[in-house]
């Protein structure tokens, strides 16, 4: 493949701050077309991407336009399902933002399509691609803090005013943050328990705590989108021989063992340089885009494929059930989708 022809569906802030700078890190990529609903966004495409890029008013027209090797979608949640269905029908490789749909029934339908799709599909899950998270996982596997006992991921942000689909907060944000937990731990959970939060009317909370059973290891995500902090994400791991804390946005790992405590030492903080220049302010985003492009170019499976997405969304659907029942809920096996 001499070049990878990419179409952009949506030209809002995330596309401009993250997708375009990430694509420009690769000489073999050519942005062929872009679609945006508003005339202002369409004019911005012409100004920022140049006259050679075809501009469309919607994803249908873009998919009917010049041949593409891949599309990247960053659009309002309300039209995710319709756009993804159109892209899957077109058979073009897709890099997409969660959620797949705005309700559990829509998500179930989309999971069947994703697992059965022939083309490359890649959910945008930057936390699991961050170099600092990979390094922390390596330290855990090497026994740096002994046997891990608990893993606690905390998000604090001021996102309450941005709205979102009528899903549990931990389901809506789960693909990113559950993948962060899974990437550190190295496996997926078997069941979930939601400690219901509060906030706006409907199912979406401003505050949510969810516990995950990893078979002898306990994980927790604590989400607060109505925080006084603008944006902080940390992952704290306790082991039987020490503790490890990842500061995702600062790209640091703090490690303190029992031997440090015996000598009153504070442990060691290490800065882990991202593997690629950070785009959009989120470490791991450029690496995520790079893996997608590699999968498109080589026609090989990628980490964030349909089956991996199905595992994360099955976790989200179990979160919805636990919110309603107040108890532990087993996560469905992805293999069941093969028989549907």
Protein backbone atom coordinates (compact mmCIF):
# COMPACT_ATOMS: atom_id res chain seq x y z
CA UNK A 1 0.00 0.00 0.00
CA UNK A 2 1.77 3.16 -1.24
CA UNK A 3 -0.34 5.44 0.95
CA UNK A 4 -3.24 5.10 3.36
CA UNK A 5 -6.23 7.12 2.18
CA UNK A 6 -8.15 8.39 5.20
CA UNK A 7 -11.55 10.05 5.50
CA UNK A 8 -12.53 12.04 8.59
CA UNK A 9 -16.13 11.81 9.80
CA UNK A 10 -16.64 14.80 12.06
CA UNK A 11 -14.36 17.82 12.31
CA UNK A 12 -14.79 19.02 15.88
CA UNK A 13 -12.23 19.59 18.59
CA UNK A 14 -11.03 16.01 19.03
CA UNK A 15 -10.49 15.45 15.32
CA UNK A 16 -8.52 18.69 15.04
CA UNK A 17 -6.53 18.33 18.29
CA UNK A 18 -5.84 14.59 18.16
CA UNK A 19 -6.69 12.79 14.92
CA UNK A 20 -5.10 15.21 12.46
CA UNK A 21 -1.84 15.73 14.45
CA UNK A 22 -1.57 11.96 14.97
CA UNK A 23 -2.06 11.28 11.26
CA UNK A 24 0.54 13.91 10.37
CA UNK A 25 3.15 11.90 12.25
CA UNK A 26 2.98 9.36 9.39
CA UNK A 27 4.28 10.24 5.94
CA UNK A 28 2.38 7.37 4.32
CA UNK A 29 -1.03 8.81 5.31
CA UNK A 30 -3.09 11.04 3.02
CA UNK A 31 -6.29 12.69 4.25
CA UNK A 32 -8.57 12.42 1.21
CA UNK A 33 -11.91 13.65 2.52
CA UNK A 34 -13.72 15.01 5.57
CA UNK A 35 -17.38 15.38 6.55
CA UNK A 36 -18.95 17.94 8.89
CA UNK A 37 -22.56 19.05 9.33
CA UNK A 38 -22.07 22.78 9.84
CA UNK A 39 -20.92 25.19 7.17
CA UNK A 40 -18.46 26.69 9.65
CA UNK A 41 -16.79 23.31 10.17
CA UNK A 42 -16.75 22.64 6.44
CA UNK A 43 -14.99 25.96 5.87
CA UNK A 44 -12.51 25.12 8.63
CA UNK A 45 -11.69 21.86 6.84
CA UNK A 46 -10.86 23.79 3.67
CA UNK A 47 -8.71 26.28 5.58
CA UNK A 48 -6.81 23.73 7.70
CA UNK A 49 -6.55 20.69 5.41
CA UNK A 50 -6.23 22.42 2.05
CA UNK A 51 -8.02 22.38 -1.30
CA UNK A 52 -7.13 18.79 -2.20
CA UNK A 53 -9.38 17.39 0.56
CA UNK A 54 -12.96 16.67 -0.52
CA UNK A 55 -15.52 18.20 1.85
CA UNK A 56 -18.94 16.67 2.55
CA UNK A 57 -21.93 17.53 4.71
CA UNK A 58 -22.45 14.03 6.11
CA UNK A 59 -20.92 10.58 6.49
CA UNK A 60 -23.15 9.03 3.82
CA UNK A 61 -21.79 11.34 1.12
CA UNK A 62 -18.21 10.80 2.28
CA UNK A 63 -18.60 7.02 2.09
CA UNK A 64 -20.00 7.37 -1.43
CA UNK A 65 -17.08 9.60 -2.46
CA UNK A 66 -13.50 8.74 -3.49
CA UNK A 67 -12.24 5.31 -2.44
CA UNK A 68 -10.85 5.17 1.10
CA UNK A 69 -8.67 2.74 3.01
CA UNK A 70 -9.89 3.95 6.41
CA UNK A 71 -12.20 6.36 8.17
CA UNK A 72 -11.87 7.97 11.59
CA UNK A 73 -15.02 8.99 13.43
CA UNK A 74 -15.40 11.64 16.15
CA UNK A 75 -19.04 12.71 16.10
CA UNK A 76 -21.89 13.38 18.57
CA UNK A 77 -22.94 10.33 20.60
CA UNK A 78 -26.47 10.46 19.20
CA UNK A 79 -25.33 9.47 15.70
CA UNK A 80 -22.62 6.94 16.57
CA UNK A 81 -24.83 3.93 15.82
CA UNK A 82 -26.06 5.19 12.43
CA UNK A 83 -22.56 6.21 11.33
CA UNK A 84 -20.95 2.95 12.45
CA UNK A 85 -23.61 0.90 10.66
CA UNK A 86 -22.94 2.85 7.46
CA UNK A 87 -19.17 2.39 7.79
CA UNK A 88 -19.52 -1.34 8.45
CA UNK A 89 -21.83 -1.63 5.43
CA UNK A 90 -19.18 0.13 3.32
CA UNK A 91 -16.52 -2.37 4.40
CA UNK A 92 -13.92 0.30 5.13
CA UNK A 93 -11.56 0.14 8.13
CA UNK A 94 -12.88 2.20 11.05
CA UNK A 95 -11.27 4.06 13.96
CA UNK A 96 -14.14 5.12 16.22
CA UNK A 97 -14.94 6.80 19.52
CA UNK A 98 -17.14 5.03 22.12
CA UNK A 99 -19.98 4.59 22.76
CA UNK A 100 -21.18 2.37 19.93
CA UNK A 101 -24.79 3.40 20.56
CA UNK A 102 -26.84 5.40 23.04
CA UNK A 103 -28.72 2.52 24.68
CA UNK A 104 -27.98 -1.09 25.74
CA UNK A 105 -30.11 -2.63 22.96
CA UNK A 106 -28.29 -0.60 20.32
CA UNK A 107 -24.93 -1.57 21.79
CA UNK A 108 -25.83 -5.28 21.68
CA UNK A 109 -26.77 -4.99 18.02
CA UNK A 110 -23.52 -3.19 17.20
CA UNK A 111 -21.43 -5.79 19.04
CA UNK A 112 -22.82 -8.54 16.81
CA UNK A 113 -21.85 -6.48 13.77
CA UNK A 114 -18.36 -5.67 15.08
CA UNK A 115 -17.49 -9.28 15.88
CA UNK A 116 -18.71 -10.41 12.45
CA UNK A 117 -17.04 -7.56 10.51
CA UNK A 118 -14.37 -8.43 7.96
CA UNK A 119 -12.66 -5.03 8.02
CA UNK A 120 -10.30 -3.60 10.63
CA UNK A 121 -12.17 -1.89 13.49
CA UNK A 122 -10.37 -0.03 16.25
CA UNK A 123 -11.90 1.63 19.31
CA UNK A 124 -10.04 4.75 20.44
CA UNK A 125 -8.75 3.68 23.88
CA UNK A 126 -5.69 5.79 24.53
CA UNK A 127 -5.11 4.92 28.22
CA UNK A 128 -4.32 1.30 27.41
CA UNK A 129 -1.79 2.47 24.79
CA UNK A 130 0.07 4.92 27.05
CA UNK A 131 3.74 4.06 27.52
CA UNK A 132 3.54 4.78 31.25
CA UNK A 133 0.74 2.21 31.61
CA UNK A 134 2.74 -0.38 29.65
CA UNK A 135 5.76 0.24 31.89
CA UNK A 136 3.67 -0.12 35.04
CA UNK A 137 2.31 -3.44 33.76
CA UNK A 138 5.88 -4.64 33.13
CA UNK A 139 6.86 -3.72 36.69
CA UNK A 140 3.92 -5.66 38.09
CA UNK A 141 4.78 -8.73 35.99
CA UNK A 142 8.38 -8.54 37.20
CA UNK A 143 7.23 -8.66 40.84
CA UNK A 144 8.29 -5.11 41.72
CA UNK A 145 5.65 -4.91 44.48
CA UNK A 146 5.08 -8.62 44.96
CA UNK A 147 1.68 -10.13 44.23
CA UNK A 148 -0.86 -7.40 43.34
CA UNK A 149 -3.85 -7.28 45.68
CA UNK A 150 -5.91 -4.28 44.51
CA UNK A 151 -5.89 -1.85 41.59
CA UNK A 152 -7.74 1.46 41.95
CA UNK A 153 -8.20 3.84 39.01
CA UNK A 154 -9.45 7.36 39.78
CA UNK A 155 -10.77 9.94 37.32
CA UNK A 156 -11.46 13.50 38.45
CA UNK A 157 -12.73 15.99 35.88
CA UNK A 158 -15.07 18.92 35.29
CA UNK A 159 -17.07 17.20 32.53
CA UNK A 160 -20.49 17.38 34.23
CA UNK A 161 -21.73 20.12 31.92
CA UNK A 162 -20.99 18.24 28.70
CA UNK A 163 -23.90 15.80 28.85
CA UNK A 164 -23.82 12.30 27.44
CA UNK A 165 -25.96 9.28 26.58
CA UNK A 166 -28.46 7.88 29.07
CA UNK A 167 -26.05 5.18 30.21
CA UNK A 168 -24.36 4.59 33.55
CA UNK A 169 -21.33 6.84 33.81
CA UNK A 170 -19.07 3.81 34.28
CA UNK A 171 -20.58 2.23 31.17
CA UNK A 172 -20.22 5.37 29.05
CA UNK A 173 -16.59 5.92 30.11
CA UNK A 174 -15.88 2.24 30.72
CA UNK A 175 -14.19 1.41 27.40
CA UNK A 176 -11.39 3.86 28.24
CA UNK A 177 -11.07 3.33 31.98
CA UNK A 178 -11.85 -0.38 32.26
CA UNK A 179 -9.28 -0.91 29.51
CA UNK A 180 -6.85 1.04 31.67
CA UNK A 181 -7.43 -1.39 34.52
CA UNK A 182 -7.28 -4.43 32.24
CA UNK A 183 -4.03 -3.21 30.66
CA UNK A 184 -2.35 -2.86 34.06
CA UNK A 185 -3.66 -6.18 35.37
CA UNK A 186 -3.21 -8.14 32.16
CA UNK A 187 -6.66 -9.73 32.00
CA UNK A 188 -10.39 -8.97 32.03
CA UNK A 189 -12.73 -9.17 35.05
CA UNK A 190 -15.36 -11.85 35.57
CA UNK A 191 -18.02 -9.84 37.40
CA UNK A 192 -18.86 -6.28 38.48
CA UNK A 193 -20.57 -4.46 41.34
CA UNK A 194 -21.78 -0.84 41.01
CA UNK A 195 -21.93 1.44 44.04
CA UNK A 196 -24.55 3.77 42.59
CA UNK A 197 -23.69 7.46 42.48
CA UNK A 198 -25.72 10.61 42.00
CA UNK A 199 -25.96 13.55 39.66
CA UNK A 200 -28.27 14.27 36.79
CA UNK A 201 -31.66 12.68 36.13
CA UNK A 202 -31.69 9.34 34.34
CA UNK A 203 -29.03 6.64 34.46
CA UNK A 204 -25.92 8.78 34.12
CA UNK A 205 -24.29 9.74 37.41
CA UNK A 206 -21.78 12.48 38.15
CA UNK A 207 -20.06 10.15 40.65
CA UNK A 208 -19.69 6.40 40.37
CA UNK A 209 -17.68 3.62 42.00
CA UNK A 210 -17.49 0.17 40.40
CA UNK A 211 -15.72 -2.91 41.75
CA UNK A 212 -14.34 -5.64 39.49
CA UNK A 213 -13.49 -9.22 40.39
CA UNK A 214 -10.37 -10.37 38.52
CA UNK A 215 -10.32 -13.76 40.20
CA UNK A 216 -8.47 -13.09 43.42
CA UNK A 217 -7.44 -9.56 42.51
CA UNK A 218 -9.82 -6.66 43.10
CA UNK A 219 -10.11 -3.66 40.79
CA UNK A 220 -12.02 -0.42 41.29
CA UNK A 221 -12.77 2.60 39.14
CA UNK A 222 -13.85 5.77 40.92
CA UNK A 223 -15.26 8.34 38.50
CA UNK A 224 -16.02 11.93 39.48
CA UNK A 225 -16.93 14.20 36.56
CA UNK A 226 -18.17 17.02 38.83
CA UNK A 227 -14.81 17.59 40.47
CA UNK A 228 -13.01 20.79 41.45
CA UNK A 229 -10.05 19.30 39.57
CA UNK A 230 -10.15 19.87 35.82
CA UNK A 231 -8.59 16.55 34.84
CA UNK A 232 -6.61 13.98 36.82
CA UNK A 233 -6.22 10.24 36.31
CA UNK A 234 -4.23 7.98 38.59
CA UNK A 235 -3.92 4.21 38.96
CA UNK A 236 -2.90 2.92 42.40
CA UNK A 237 -1.76 -0.69 42.81
CA UNK A 238 -1.19 -2.35 46.18
CA UNK A 239 0.93 -5.47 46.39
CA UNK A 240 2.02 -7.69 49.25
CA UNK A 241 5.53 -6.19 49.00
CA UNK A 242 4.82 -2.55 48.12
CA UNK A 243 2.71 0.02 46.28
CA UNK A 244 2.82 1.55 42.80
CA UNK A 245 1.05 4.70 41.57
CA UNK A 246 0.71 5.79 37.95
CA UNK A 247 -0.02 9.44 37.17
CA UNK A 248 -1.34 9.09 33.64
CA UNK A 249 -1.18 12.73 32.50
CA UNK A 250 2.21 13.42 34.13
CA UNK A 251 3.64 10.15 32.77
CA UNK A 252 5.12 9.15 36.12
CA UNK A 253 5.31 5.99 38.22
CA UNK A 254 5.92 6.15 41.97
CA UNK A 255 7.15 2.88 43.47
CA UNK A 256 7.55 2.24 47.21
CA UNK A 257 8.38 -1.15 48.69
CA UNK A 258 8.39 -2.48 52.24
CA UNK A 259 12.16 -2.16 52.32
CA UNK A 260 11.75 1.57 51.55
CA UNK A 261 9.28 1.88 54.41
CA UNK A 262 11.66 0.09 56.80
CA UNK A 263 14.34 2.69 56.01
CA UNK A 264 11.88 5.63 56.00
CA UNK A 265 12.59 6.16 52.29
CA UNK A 266 9.94 7.76 50.10
CA UNK A 267 10.43 5.33 47.25
CA UNK A 268 11.24 6.29 43.68
CA UNK A 269 9.35 8.36 41.13
CA UNK A 270 10.20 7.73 37.48
CA UNK A 271 9.17 9.76 34.46
CA UNK A 272 8.28 7.53 31.52
CA UNK A 273 8.59 9.38 28.22
CA UNK A 274 5.74 8.65 25.78
CA UNK A 275 6.76 6.53 22.80
CA UNK A 276 5.28 9.11 20.40
CA UNK A 277 4.58 12.87 20.63
CA UNK A 278 1.41 13.44 22.67
CA UNK A 279 -1.62 14.70 20.71
CA UNK A 280 -4.82 16.16 22.12
CA UNK A 281 -3.24 16.17 25.59
CA UNK A 282 -3.79 12.39 26.00
CA UNK A 283 -0.76 10.06 26.19
CA UNK A 284 -1.35 6.91 24.15
CA UNK A 285 -3.58 8.52 21.51
CA UNK A 286 -0.82 8.78 18.90
CA UNK A 287 0.23 5.19 19.65
CA UNK A 288 -3.38 4.02 19.27
CA UNK A 289 -3.68 5.72 15.87
CA UNK A 290 -0.34 4.24 14.81
CA UNK A 291 -1.49 0.69 15.62
CA UNK A 292 -4.69 1.27 13.65
CA UNK A 293 -2.74 2.49 10.62
CA UNK A 294 -0.42 -0.50 10.86
CA UNK A 295 -3.38 -2.88 10.93
CA UNK A 296 -4.91 -1.16 7.88
CA UNK A 297 -1.63 -1.28 5.98
CA UNK A 298 -0.81 -4.89 6.81
CA UNK A 299 -4.34 -6.29 6.95
CA UNK A 300 -3.60 -7.91 10.30
CA UNK A 301 -5.66 -8.01 13.53
CA UNK A 302 -5.06 -5.27 16.10
CA UNK A 303 -5.35 -5.27 19.89
CA UNK A 304 -8.46 -3.11 19.91
CA UNK A 305 -10.50 -5.22 17.50
CA UNK A 306 -14.18 -6.18 17.58
CA UNK A 307 -13.73 -8.98 20.11
CA UNK A 308 -11.80 -6.79 22.51
CA UNK A 309 -14.47 -4.07 22.14
CA UNK A 310 -17.15 -6.69 22.83
CA UNK A 311 -15.40 -7.69 26.06
CA UNK A 312 -15.35 -4.08 27.23
CA UNK A 313 -18.97 -3.45 26.24
CA UNK A 314 -20.13 -6.68 27.88
CA UNK A 315 -18.52 -5.29 31.01
CA UNK A 316 -20.49 -2.09 30.47
CA UNK A 317 -23.76 -3.98 30.02
CA UNK A 318 -23.08 -5.84 33.28
CA UNK A 319 -22.53 -2.45 34.92
CA UNK A 320 -26.01 -1.40 33.76
CA UNK A 321 -27.51 -4.55 35.29
CA UNK A 322 -25.65 -4.10 38.57
CA UNK A 323 -26.95 -0.52 38.85
CA UNK A 324 -30.49 -1.92 38.69
CA UNK A 325 -30.01 -4.95 40.95
CA UNK A 326 -27.53 -3.53 43.46
CA UNK A 327 -25.55 -6.77 43.37
CA UNK A 328 -22.70 -8.52 41.61
CA UNK A 329 -23.32 -9.35 37.93
CA UNK A 330 -21.41 -11.89 35.87
CA UNK A 331 -19.94 -10.55 32.61
CA UNK A 332 -21.14 -12.34 29.48
CA UNK A 333 -18.66 -14.41 27.51
CA UNK A 334 -17.75 -12.83 24.17
CA UNK A 335 -17.78 -16.30 22.60
CA UNK A 336 -21.57 -16.27 22.86
CA UNK A 337 -21.67 -13.63 20.12
CA UNK A 338 -20.28 -16.16 17.63
CA UNK A 339 -23.50 -18.19 17.81
CA UNK A 340 -25.82 -15.20 17.25
